[in-house]
C-alpha atoms as a PDB file:
ATOM      1  CA  MET A   1     -10.090  14.073   7.720  1.00  0.00           C
ATOM      2  CA  GLU A   2      -7.028  12.735   9.511  1.00  0.00           C
ATOM      3  CA  THR A   3      -6.560   9.020   8.917  1.00  0.00           C
ATOM      4  CA  THR A   4      -3.373   8.406  10.910  1.00  0.00           C
ATOM      5  CA  LYS A   5      -3.934   8.202  14.651  1.00  0.00           C
ATOM      6  CA  ILE A   6      -1.499   8.848  17.468  1.00  0.00           C
ATOM      7  CA  GLY A   7      -1.202   6.014  19.968  1.00  0.00           C
ATOM      8  CA  LEU A   8       0.721   5.732  23.223  1.00  0.00           C
ATOM      9  CA  GLY A   9       3.622   3.331  23.690  1.00  0.00           C
ATOM     10  CA  LEU A  10       4.532   2.381  27.248  1.00  0.00           C
ATOM     11  CA  ALA A  11       8.238   1.600  26.795  1.00  0.00           C
ATOM     12  CA  ALA A  12       9.471   4.721  28.597  1.00  0.00           C
ATOM     13  CA  ILE A  13       6.930   4.702  31.438  1.00  0.00           C
ATOM     14  CA  GLY A  14       6.989   0.974  32.249  1.00  0.00           C
ATOM     15  CA  ARG A  15      10.605   0.815  33.447  1.00  0.00           C
ATOM     16  CA  PRO A  16      13.026   3.319  35.025  1.00  0.00           C
ATOM     17  CA  GLU A  17      15.651   3.165  32.269  1.00  0.00           C
ATOM     18  CA  TYR A  18      15.300   3.047  28.496  1.00  0.00           C
ATOM     19  CA  ILE A  19      17.328   3.727  25.346  1.00  0.00           C
ATOM     20  CA  ASN A  20      16.514   7.383  24.849  1.00  0.00           C
ATOM     21  CA  LEU A  21      17.891  10.866  25.435  1.00  0.00           C
ATOM     22  CA  ARG A  22      15.708  12.127  28.255  1.00  0.00           C
ATOM     23  CA  GLN A  23      14.905  15.844  28.072  1.00  0.00           C
ATOM     24  CA  GLU A  24      13.335  16.153  31.523  1.00  0.00           C
ATOM     25  CA  PRO A  25      14.680  15.356  35.008  1.00  0.00           C
ATOM     26  CA  ASP A  26      13.455  12.118  36.552  1.00  0.00           C
ATOM     27  CA  PRO A  27      14.182  12.435  40.285  1.00  0.00           C
ATOM     28  CA  ASP A  28      11.938   9.633  41.506  1.00  0.00           C
ATOM     29  CA  LYS A  29      12.594   6.272  39.881  1.00  0.00           C
ATOM     30  CA  SER A  30      10.634   4.222  42.384  1.00  0.00           C
ATOM     31  CA  LEU A  31       8.170   1.632  41.154  1.00  0.00           C
ATOM     32  CA  MET A  32       5.280   3.399  42.909  1.00  0.00           C
ATOM     33  CA  SER A  33       6.174   6.704  41.276  1.00  0.00           C
ATOM     34  CA  TYR A  34       6.211   5.127  37.826  1.00  0.00           C
ATOM     35  CA  ARG A  35       2.944   3.314  38.499  1.00  0.00           C
ATOM     36  CA  ASN A  36       1.188   6.524  39.547  1.00  0.00           C
ATOM     37  CA  ARG A  37       2.610   8.449  36.610  1.00  0.00           C
ATOM     38  CA  ALA A  38       1.625   5.689  34.189  1.00  0.00           C
ATOM     39  CA  LEU A  39      -1.964   5.620  35.400  1.00  0.00           C
ATOM     40  CA  GLU A  40      -2.139   9.421  35.221  1.00  0.00           C
ATOM     41  CA  LEU A  41      -0.659   9.407  31.724  1.00  0.00           C
ATOM     42  CA  LEU A  42      -3.062   6.729  30.505  1.00  0.00           C
ATOM     43  CA  ASP A  43      -6.019   8.709  31.862  1.00  0.00           C
ATOM     44  CA  ALA A  44      -4.789  11.894  30.211  1.00  0.00           C
ATOM     45  CA  ALA A  45      -4.095  10.168  26.894  1.00  0.00           C
ATOM     46  CA  TYR A  46      -7.573   8.663  26.804  1.00  0.00           C
ATOM     47  CA  LYS A  47      -9.178  12.016  27.621  1.00  0.00           C
ATOM     48  CA  ARG A  48      -7.187  13.617  24.814  1.00  0.00           C
ATOM     49  CA  GLY A  49      -8.593  11.117  22.318  1.00  0.00           C
ATOM     50  CA  ILE A  50      -5.905   8.423  22.224  1.00  0.00           C
ATOM     51  CA  ARG A  51      -7.399   4.958  21.902  1.00  0.00           C
ATOM     52  CA  HIS A  52      -4.452   2.750  20.881  1.00  0.00           C
ATOM     53  CA  PHE A  53      -2.053   1.714  23.661  1.00  0.00           C
ATOM     54  CA  ASP A  54       1.025  -0.413  22.956  1.00  0.00           C
ATOM     55  CA  THR A  55       3.098  -2.371  25.458  1.00  0.00           C
ATOM     56  CA  ALA A  56       5.213  -5.509  25.954  1.00  0.00           C
ATOM     57  CA  PRO A  57       6.482  -7.768  28.751  1.00  0.00           C
ATOM     58  CA  SER A  58       9.959  -6.297  28.280  1.00  0.00           C
ATOM     59  CA  TYR A  59       8.633  -2.825  29.095  1.00  0.00           C
ATOM     60  CA  GLY A  60       9.131  -3.576  32.790  1.00  0.00           C
ATOM     61  CA  LYS A  61       5.706  -3.154  34.350  1.00  0.00           C
ATOM     62  CA  GLY A  62       4.116  -1.895  31.134  1.00  0.00           C
ATOM     63  CA  GLU A  63       1.584  -4.692  30.827  1.00  0.00           C
ATOM     64  CA  ASP A  64       0.775  -4.567  34.555  1.00  0.00           C
ATOM     65  CA  PHE A  65       0.160  -0.818  34.456  1.00  0.00           C
ATOM     66  CA  LEU A  66      -2.062  -1.118  31.374  1.00  0.00           C
ATOM     67  CA  ILE A  67      -4.057  -4.019  32.838  1.00  0.00           C
ATOM     68  CA  GLU A  68      -4.577  -2.121  36.097  1.00  0.00           C
ATOM     69  CA  TRP A  69      -5.676   1.014  34.269  1.00  0.00           C
ATOM     70  CA  TYR A  70      -8.018  -0.966  32.006  1.00  0.00           C
ATOM     71  CA  ARG A  71      -9.739  -2.648  34.926  1.00  0.00           C
ATOM     72  CA  LYS A  72     -10.133   0.603  36.852  1.00  0.00           C
ATOM     73  CA  SER A  73     -11.186   2.831  33.966  1.00  0.00           C
ATOM     74  CA  HIS A  74     -13.865   0.522  32.521  1.00  0.00           C
ATOM     75  CA  VAL A  75     -13.329   2.050  29.061  1.00  0.00           C
ATOM     76  CA  LYS A  76     -15.036   0.221  26.212  1.00  0.00           C
ATOM     77  CA  ASP A  77     -13.324   1.593  23.111  1.00  0.00           C
ATOM     78  CA  ALA A  78      -9.614   1.266  23.888  1.00  0.00           C
ATOM     79  CA  VAL A  79      -7.460  -0.871  21.587  1.00  0.00           C
ATOM     80  CA  PHE A  80      -4.343  -2.603  22.920  1.00  0.00           C
ATOM     81  CA  SER A  81      -1.336  -4.168  21.252  1.00  0.00           C
ATOM     82  CA  THR A  82       1.365  -6.106  23.031  1.00  0.00           C
ATOM     83  CA  LYS A  83       4.271  -8.353  22.114  1.00  0.00           C
ATOM     84  CA  TRP A  84       6.100 -11.505  23.071  1.00  0.00           C
ATOM     85  CA  GLY A  85       9.716 -12.597  22.736  1.00  0.00           C
ATOM     86  CA  TYR A  86      11.652 -10.354  25.128  1.00  0.00           C
ATOM     87  CA  THR A  87      11.921 -10.692  28.903  1.00  0.00           C
ATOM     88  CA  TYR A  88      12.778  -7.733  31.164  1.00  0.00           C
ATOM     89  CA  VAL A  89      15.577  -8.829  33.517  1.00  0.00           C
ATOM     90  CA  ALA A  90      16.931  -5.567  35.026  1.00  0.00           C
ATOM     91  CA  ASN A  91      14.393  -5.963  37.866  1.00  0.00           C
ATOM     92  CA  TRP A  92      14.105  -2.180  38.389  1.00  0.00           C
ATOM     93  CA  GLU A  93      17.817  -1.937  39.273  1.00  0.00           C
ATOM     94  CA  ILE A  94      19.001   1.602  38.459  1.00  0.00           C
ATOM     95  CA  GLY A  95      22.258   1.550  36.516  1.00  0.00           C
ATOM     96  CA  TYR A  96      21.914  -2.146  35.691  1.00  0.00           C
ATOM     97  CA  GLN A  97      25.106  -3.191  33.899  1.00  0.00           C
ATOM     98  CA  GLY A  98      23.885  -6.226  31.961  1.00  0.00           C
ATOM     99  CA  LYS A  99      21.360  -6.517  29.165  1.00  0.00           C
ATOM    100  CA  HIS A 100      18.062  -5.077  30.386  1.00  0.00           C
ATOM    101  CA  GLU A 101      16.041  -7.445  28.217  1.00  0.00           C
ATOM    102  CA  ILE A 102      16.691 -10.891  26.784  1.00  0.00           C
ATOM    103  CA  LYS A 103      15.304 -12.084  23.456  1.00  0.00           C
ATOM    104  CA  GLU A 104      13.868 -15.580  23.077  1.00  0.00           C
ATOM    105  CA  HIS A 105      11.578 -16.438  20.179  1.00  0.00           C
ATOM    106  CA  SER A 106      10.768 -19.975  21.302  1.00  0.00           C
ATOM    107  CA  LEU A 107       7.403 -21.710  21.533  1.00  0.00           C
ATOM    108  CA  GLY A 108       7.884 -21.963  25.288  1.00  0.00           C
ATOM    109  CA  LYS A 109       8.407 -18.216  25.663  1.00  0.00           C
ATOM    110  CA  LEU A 110       5.396 -17.493  23.447  1.00  0.00           C
ATOM    111  CA  ASN A 111       3.139 -19.698  25.593  1.00  0.00           C
ATOM    112  CA  GLU A 112       4.578 -18.296  28.833  1.00  0.00           C
ATOM    113  CA  GLN A 113       4.094 -14.640  27.919  1.00  0.00           C
ATOM    114  CA  TRP A 114       0.686 -15.217  26.314  1.00  0.00           C
ATOM    115  CA  GLN A 115      -0.633 -16.343  29.708  1.00  0.00           C
ATOM    116  CA  LYS A 116      -0.093 -12.802  31.034  1.00  0.00           C
ATOM    117  CA  SER A 117      -0.790 -10.837  27.863  1.00  0.00           C
ATOM    118  CA  LYS A 118      -4.224 -12.377  27.385  1.00  0.00           C
ATOM    119  CA  ASP A 119      -5.345 -10.496  30.502  1.00  0.00           C
ATOM    120  CA  LEU A 120      -5.501  -7.455  28.214  1.00  0.00           C
ATOM    121  CA  MET A 121      -8.517  -8.965  26.442  1.00  0.00           C
ATOM    122  CA  PRO A 122     -11.075  -8.063  25.245  1.00  0.00           C
ATOM    123  CA  ALA A 123      -9.302  -4.812  24.348  1.00  0.00           C
ATOM    124  CA  LEU A 124      -6.288  -6.732  23.029  1.00  0.00           C
ATOM    125  CA  ASN A 125      -6.416  -6.287  19.255  1.00  0.00           C
ATOM    126  CA  ILE A 126      -2.889  -7.062  18.044  1.00  0.00           C
ATOM    127  CA  TYR A 127      -0.417  -9.657  19.346  1.00  0.00           C
ATOM    128  CA  GLN A 128       3.078  -9.133  17.957  1.00  0.00           C
ATOM    129  CA  VAL A 129       6.392 -10.903  17.635  1.00  0.00           C
ATOM    130  CA  HIS A 130       8.774  -8.513  19.403  1.00  0.00           C
ATOM    131  CA  SER A 131      11.664  -7.362  17.194  1.00  0.00           C
ATOM    132  CA  ALA A 132      11.759 -10.301  14.822  1.00  0.00           C
ATOM    133  CA  THR A 133      15.129 -10.998  13.223  1.00  0.00           C
ATOM    134  CA  PHE A 134      16.432 -13.525  10.741  1.00  0.00           C
ATOM    135  CA  GLU A 135      18.955 -14.626  13.379  1.00  0.00           C
ATOM    136  CA  SER A 136      16.278 -15.612  15.916  1.00  0.00           C
ATOM    137  CA  GLY A 137      14.745 -17.989  13.373  1.00  0.00           C
ATOM    138  CA  VAL A 138      11.197 -17.045  14.346  1.00  0.00           C
ATOM    139  CA  LEU A 139      10.003 -16.675  10.739  1.00  0.00           C
ATOM    140  CA  ASP A 140      11.078 -20.263  10.031  1.00  0.00           C
ATOM    141  CA  ASN A 141       9.743 -21.773  13.259  1.00  0.00           C
ATOM    142  CA  THR A 142       6.681 -23.714  12.147  1.00  0.00           C
ATOM    143  CA  GLU A 143       5.562 -24.506  15.715  1.00  0.00           C
ATOM    144  CA  VAL A 144       5.607 -20.830  16.691  1.00  0.00           C
ATOM    145  CA  LEU A 145       3.855 -19.679  13.514  1.00  0.00           C
ATOM    146  CA  ARG A 146       1.107 -22.276  13.891  1.00  0.00           C
ATOM    147  CA  ARG A 147       0.634 -21.336  17.561  1.00  0.00           C
ATOM    148  CA  LEU A 148       0.258 -17.681  16.571  1.00  0.00           C
ATOM    149  CA  HIS A 149      -2.309 -18.716  13.965  1.00  0.00           C
ATOM    150  CA  GLU A 150      -4.165 -20.684  16.639  1.00  0.00           C
ATOM    151  CA  ILE A 151      -4.266 -17.615  18.927  1.00  0.00           C
ATOM    152  CA  LYS A 152      -5.447 -15.501  16.004  1.00  0.00           C
ATOM    153  CA  ILE A 153      -8.342 -17.797  15.133  1.00  0.00           C
ATOM    154  CA  LYS A 154      -9.388 -18.662  18.682  1.00  0.00           C
ATOM    155  CA  HIS A 155      -9.395 -15.109  20.030  1.00  0.00           C
ATOM    156  CA  GLY A 156     -10.171 -13.111  16.886  1.00  0.00           C
ATOM    157  CA  ILE A 157      -7.128 -10.853  17.160  1.00  0.00           C
ATOM    158  CA  LYS A 158      -4.562  -9.696  14.628  1.00  0.00           C
ATOM    159  CA  ILE A 159      -1.096 -11.185  14.585  1.00  0.00           C
ATOM    160  CA  GLY A 160       1.664  -8.656  14.145  1.00  0.00           C
ATOM    161  CA  MET A 161       5.414  -8.296  14.111  1.00  0.00           C
ATOM    162  CA  SER A 162       7.693  -5.483  15.224  1.00  0.00           C
ATOM    163  CA  VAL A 163      11.017  -4.978  13.469  1.00  0.00           C
ATOM    164  CA  SER A 164      14.219  -3.082  14.192  1.00  0.00           C
ATOM    165  CA  GLY A 165      17.642  -2.845  12.618  1.00  0.00           C
ATOM    166  CA  SER A 166      19.039  -2.446   9.130  1.00  0.00           C
ATOM    167  CA  ASP A 167      17.115  -5.517   7.875  1.00  0.00           C
ATOM    168  CA  GLN A 168      13.674  -4.035   8.531  1.00  0.00           C
ATOM    169  CA  ALA A 169      12.607  -3.959   4.875  1.00  0.00           C
ATOM    170  CA  ARG A 170      13.733  -7.526   4.156  1.00  0.00           C
ATOM    171  CA  LEU A 171      12.014  -8.794   7.307  1.00  0.00           C
ATOM    172  CA  LEU A 172       8.756  -7.100   6.330  1.00  0.00           C
ATOM    173  CA  ASP A 173       8.955  -8.553   2.843  1.00  0.00           C
ATOM    174  CA  GLU A 174       9.616 -12.065   4.134  1.00  0.00           C
ATOM    175  CA  ALA A 175       6.917 -11.961   6.825  1.00  0.00           C
ATOM    176  CA  SER A 176       4.295 -10.679   4.387  1.00  0.00           C
ATOM    177  CA  THR A 177       4.608 -13.891   2.362  1.00  0.00           C
ATOM    178  CA  ILE A 178       4.058 -16.318   5.273  1.00  0.00           C
ATOM    179  CA  LEU A 179       0.828 -18.277   4.855  1.00  0.00           C
ATOM    180  CA  ILE A 180      -0.863 -20.565   7.370  1.00  0.00           C
ATOM    181  CA  GLU A 181      -3.707 -22.676   6.012  1.00  0.00           C
ATOM    182  CA  GLY A 182      -3.517 -20.648   2.818  1.00  0.00           C
ATOM    183  CA  LYS A 183      -3.955 -17.232   4.443  1.00  0.00           C
ATOM    184  CA  PRO A 184      -1.423 -14.539   5.448  1.00  0.00           C
ATOM    185  CA  LEU A 185      -0.449 -14.892   9.109  1.00  0.00           C
ATOM    186  CA  PHE A 186       0.616 -11.302   9.713  1.00  0.00           C
ATOM    187  CA  ASP A 187      -1.970  -8.532   9.675  1.00  0.00           C
ATOM    188  CA  SER A 188       0.082  -5.815  11.374  1.00  0.00           C
ATOM    189  CA  PHE A 189       3.647  -4.516  11.313  1.00  0.00           C
ATOM    190  CA  GLN A 190       5.343  -2.190  13.801  1.00  0.00           C
ATOM    191  CA  VAL A 191       8.264  -0.370  12.186  1.00  0.00           C
ATOM    192  CA  SER A 192      10.926   2.151  13.233  1.00  0.00           C
ATOM    193  CA  TYR A 193      10.500   5.099  10.852  1.00  0.00           C
ATOM    194  CA  ASN A 194      11.497   8.736  11.222  1.00  0.00           C
ATOM    195  CA  ILE A 195      13.287  11.632   9.532  1.00  0.00           C
ATOM    196  CA  LEU A 196      16.643   9.876   9.941  1.00  0.00           C
ATOM    197  CA  GLU A 197      15.450   6.327   9.131  1.00  0.00           C
ATOM    198  CA  SER A 198      12.971   6.054   6.276  1.00  0.00           C
ATOM    199  CA  THR A 199      14.592   3.220   4.315  1.00  0.00           C
ATOM    200  CA  THR A 200      11.447   1.084   4.668  1.00  0.00           C
ATOM    201  CA  HIS A 201       9.291   3.691   2.920  1.00  0.00           C
ATOM    202  CA  GLN A 202       8.589   1.712  -0.246  1.00  0.00           C
ATOM    203  CA  MET A 203       8.013  -1.604   1.538  1.00  0.00           C
ATOM    204  CA  VAL A 204       5.703  -0.062   4.121  1.00  0.00           C
ATOM    205  CA  GLY A 205       3.776   1.690   1.374  1.00  0.00           C
ATOM    206  CA  GLN A 206       3.169  -1.655  -0.298  1.00  0.00           C
ATOM    207  CA  LEU A 207       1.910  -3.151   2.954  1.00  0.00           C
ATOM    208  CA  LEU A 208      -0.434  -0.222   3.510  1.00  0.00           C
ATOM    209  CA  SER A 209      -1.793  -0.655  -0.015  1.00  0.00           C
ATOM    210  CA  ALA A 210      -2.383  -4.330   0.799  1.00  0.00           C
ATOM    211  CA  GLY A 211      -4.561  -3.330   3.750  1.00  0.00           C
ATOM    212  CA  LYS A 212      -2.089  -4.137   6.517  1.00  0.00           C
ATOM    213  CA  THR A 213      -2.033  -2.232   9.813  1.00  0.00           C
ATOM    214  CA  ILE A 214       1.162  -0.191  10.140  1.00  0.00           C
ATOM    215  CA  ILE A 215       2.280   1.067  13.547  1.00  0.00           C
ATOM    216  CA  ILE A 216       5.256   3.432  13.614  1.00  0.00           C
ATOM    217  CA  LYS A 217       7.588   3.450  16.609  1.00  0.00           C
ATOM    218  CA  GLU A 218      10.642   5.577  17.404  1.00  0.00           C
ATOM    219  CA  ALA A 219       9.325   8.525  15.392  1.00  0.00           C
ATOM    220  CA  LEU A 220      11.648  10.757  17.445  1.00  0.00           C
ATOM    221  CA  ALA A 221      14.639   8.463  16.875  1.00  0.00           C
ATOM    222  CA  ASN A 222      15.002   7.753  20.606  1.00  0.00           C
ATOM    223  CA  GLY A 223      15.263  11.485  21.284  1.00  0.00           C
ATOM    224  CA  ARG A 224      17.865  12.257  18.622  1.00  0.00           C
ATOM    225  CA  LEU A 225      15.387  14.520  16.828  1.00  0.00           C
ATOM    226  CA  LEU A 226      15.020  16.778  19.861  1.00  0.00           C
ATOM    227  CA  PRO A 227      17.646  19.565  19.747  1.00  0.00           C
ATOM    228  CA  ASN A 228      20.602  18.431  21.829  1.00  0.00           C
ATOM    229  CA  SER A 229      23.972  20.158  22.213  1.00  0.00           C
ATOM    230  CA  LYS A 230      25.641  16.759  22.648  1.00  0.00           C
ATOM    231  CA  LEU A 231      24.757  15.793  19.063  1.00  0.00           C
ATOM    232  CA  PRO A 232      26.462  18.478  16.950  1.00  0.00           C
ATOM    233  CA  GLN A 233      26.164  16.306  13.819  1.00  0.00           C
ATOM    234  CA  TYR A 234      22.471  17.217  13.742  1.00  0.00           C
ATOM    235  CA  ASN A 235      22.831  20.999  14.248  1.00  0.00           C
ATOM    236  CA  GLU A 236      21.672  21.803  10.719  1.00  0.00           C
ATOM    237  CA  LEU A 237      18.627  19.549  11.081  1.00  0.00           C
ATOM    238  CA  TYR A 238      17.870  21.071  14.493  1.00  0.00           C
ATOM    239  CA  GLN A 239      17.824  24.533  12.905  1.00  0.00           C
ATOM    240  CA  VAL A 240      15.303  23.318  10.348  1.00  0.00           C
ATOM    241  CA  LEU A 241      13.143  21.675  13.013  1.00  0.00           C
ATOM    242  CA  THR A 242      13.275  24.796  15.180  1.00  0.00           C
ATOM    243  CA  GLY A 243      12.311  26.992  12.242  1.00  0.00           C
ATOM    244  CA  LEU A 244       9.353  24.801  11.350  1.00  0.00           C
ATOM    245  CA  GLY A 245       8.367  24.653  15.011  1.00  0.00           C
ATOM    246  CA  SER A 246       8.269  28.456  15.137  1.00  0.00           C
ATOM    247  CA  LYS A 247       6.153  28.556  11.991  1.00  0.00           C
ATOM    248  CA  TYR A 248       3.568  26.071  13.275  1.00  0.00           C
ATOM    249  CA  LYS A 249       3.908  27.053  16.954  1.00  0.00           C
ATOM    250  CA  VAL A 250       4.879  23.547  18.080  1.00  0.00           C
ATOM    251  CA  GLY A 251       7.996  21.762  19.315  1.00  0.00           C
ATOM    252  CA  ALA A 252      10.473  19.694  17.334  1.00  0.00           C
ATOM    253  CA  ASP A 253       8.679  16.573  18.591  1.00  0.00           C
ATOM    254  CA  ALA A 254       5.458  17.556  16.829  1.00  0.00           C
ATOM    255  CA  ILE A 255       7.324  18.340  13.606  1.00  0.00           C
ATOM    256  CA  ALA A 256       9.005  14.909  13.699  1.00  0.00           C
ATOM    257  CA  LEU A 257       5.704  13.142  14.319  1.00  0.00           C
ATOM    258  CA  ARG A 258       3.973  15.165  11.614  1.00  0.00           C
ATOM    259  CA  TYR A 259       6.701  14.221   9.138  1.00  0.00           C
ATOM    260  CA  VAL A 260       5.816  10.553   9.631  1.00  0.00           C
ATOM    261  CA  ILE A 261       2.093  11.223   9.332  1.00  0.00           C
ATOM    262  CA  ASP A 262       2.361  13.276   6.142  1.00  0.00           C
ATOM    263  CA  ASN A 263       5.213  11.389   4.486  1.00  0.00           C
ATOM    264  CA  LEU A 264       3.956   7.853   5.105  1.00  0.00           C
ATOM    265  CA  LYS A 265       0.289   8.020   6.226  1.00  0.00           C
ATOM    266  CA  PRO A 266       0.531   4.945   8.490  1.00  0.00           C
ATOM    267  CA  THR A 267      -2.316   3.570  10.564  1.00  0.00           C
ATOM    268  CA  THR A 268      -0.848   4.710  13.870  1.00  0.00           C
ATOM    269  CA  VAL A 269       2.188   6.635  15.082  1.00  0.00           C
ATOM    270  CA  LEU A 270       3.168   5.888  18.657  1.00  0.00           C
ATOM    271  CA  SER A 271       3.989   8.644  21.099  1.00  0.00           C
ATOM    272  CA  GLY A 272       6.648   7.483  23.526  1.00  0.00           C
ATOM    273  CA  ALA A 273       5.699  10.149  26.057  1.00  0.00           C
ATOM    274  CA  SER A 274       6.549   9.504  29.702  1.00  0.00           C
ATOM    275  CA  SER A 275       5.010  12.733  31.053  1.00  0.00           C
ATOM    276  CA  LEU A 276       1.998  14.951  30.498  1.00  0.00           C
ATOM    277  CA  ILE A 277       4.248  17.675  29.081  1.00  0.00           C
ATOM    278  CA  GLN A 278       5.628  15.303  26.458  1.00  0.00           C
ATOM    279  CA  LEU A 279       2.179  13.922  25.653  1.00  0.00           C
ATOM    280  CA  ASN A 280       0.658  17.353  25.130  1.00  0.00           C
ATOM    281  CA  GLY A 281       3.580  18.375  22.933  1.00  0.00           C
ATOM    282  CA  ASN A 282       3.291  15.226  20.822  1.00  0.00           C
ATOM    283  CA  LEU A 283      -0.448  15.641  20.279  1.00  0.00           C
ATOM    284  CA  LYS A 284       0.096  19.059  18.713  1.00  0.00           C
ATOM    285  CA  ALA A 285       1.207  17.094  15.636  1.00  0.00           C
ATOM    286  CA  LEU A 286      -2.478  16.630  14.809  1.00  0.00           C
ATOM    287  CA  GLY A 287      -3.081  20.372  14.474  1.00  0.00           C
ATOM    288  CA  PHE A 288      -1.284  21.157  11.204  1.00  0.00           C
ATOM    289  CA  ARG A 289       0.118  19.692   7.980  1.00  0.00           C
ATOM    290  CA  LEU A 290       3.599  20.056   6.552  1.00  0.00           C
ATOM    291  CA  GLU A 291       3.969  21.391   3.013  1.00  0.00           C
ATOM    292  CA  GLU A 292       5.458  19.195   0.299  1.00  0.00           C
ATOM    293  CA  LYS A 293       8.608  21.319   0.134  1.00  0.00           C
ATOM    294  CA  GLU A 294       9.034  20.954   3.889  1.00  0.00           C
ATOM    295  CA  LEU A 295       8.665  17.191   3.696  1.00  0.00           C
ATOM    296  CA  SER A 296      11.224  17.106   0.890  1.00  0.00           C
ATOM    297  CA  GLN A 297      13.643  19.223   2.908  1.00  0.00           C
ATOM    298  CA  LEU A 298      13.348  17.002   5.978  1.00  0.00           C
ATOM    299  CA  SER A 299      13.780  13.880   3.851  1.00  0.00           C
ATOM    300  CA  THR A 300      17.251  15.043   2.803  1.00  0.00           C
ATOM    301  CA  TYR A 301      18.457  14.249   6.338  1.00  0.00           C
ATOM    302  CA  GLY A 302      17.758  10.540   5.998  1.00  0.00           C
ATOM    303  CA  MET A 303      20.669   8.226   6.827  1.00  0.00           C
ATOM    304  CA  GLU A 304      21.818   4.906   5.456  1.00  0.00           C
ATOM    305  CA  ALA A 305      20.254   2.129   7.512  1.00  0.00           C
ATOM    306  CA  GLN A 306      23.572   0.705   8.690  1.00  0.00           C
ATOM    307  CA  ALA A 307      24.774   4.099   9.933  1.00  0.00           C
ATOM    308  CA  TYR A 308      21.492   4.862  11.678  1.00  0.00           C
ATOM    309  CA  TRP A 309      21.340   1.560  13.525  1.00  0.00           C
ATOM    310  CA  HIS A 310      25.013   1.661  14.464  1.00  0.00           C
ATOM    311  CA  GLU A 311      24.467   5.057  16.073  1.00  0.00           C
ATOM    312  CA  ARG A 312      21.384   3.794  17.857  1.00  0.00           C
ATOM    313  CA  SER A 313      23.334   0.832  19.228  1.00  0.00           C
ATOM    314  CA  GLU A 314      25.733   3.308  20.848  1.00  0.00           C
ATOM    315  CA  LEU A 315      22.976   5.063  22.817  1.00  0.00           C
ATOM    316  CA  LYS A 316      23.022   4.448  26.561  1.00  0.00           C
ATOM    317  CA  TRP A 317      20.181   3.322  28.790  1.00  0.00           C
ATOM    318  CA  HIS A 318      18.963   6.315  30.813  1.00  0.00           C
END
């Protein structure tokens, strides 16, 4: 029986521009268009068996769309996760030239964003620090950590942390040792992991063995794992993905997702689909298993963390 579930992340459907390599035209970037598409996508995902939905205040209208859908759908078994620590500031401006989101891991920002995020209850199951870093000081901020513990105890939800960057493994290790009133604060970790970036494999395996919830994001490497003529450095990998796709009668997206499922066996892998076509393609990952030799072959394309994250930092908002 499959243990890893596919969830739906709302990063690409909650705002008109995102760090990815879009494979489909997006002619209508209006707020109403995105709202309607988000509600349609959430309905379709639920009907296809998805129960975990992940969002954040920095995903534009991601929380608003999820709250609206939740109140209209009246579903009883959905599970939500959201985050705090980033604020979306592009204000739906297409081609925005500044930073689209601003990080702030302060107690004030935590309290401010919690006031909105708590509207996701009672389906809200995991509340996460968004992209924790050593530089932000959040793991040393006693006031913030105690406030998270207070939210955890009062509302009976898990406290989580998402990580990005070349320090992912060290951040996970450090966070896993944080105790509040003698008990671990963090129950859940959201990690970037894919064919190109699997440097956290050992650390994540330890957390899984310890009973922690592991949510995988960016399983498609922000679109880099979808065959693209503008990325000739991946031509050999694209040939392998295409060959496996032909064998299993799926797209490269399903192969990439299946790699994560079979190689790591996390709790949840997030689909970043922004359309029904993408969603249906992603869900085909649940219909087959990769062989050990295929997993080993794909693993040979892993990059050093520094190189992977440098390349990601060069990607444009689309």
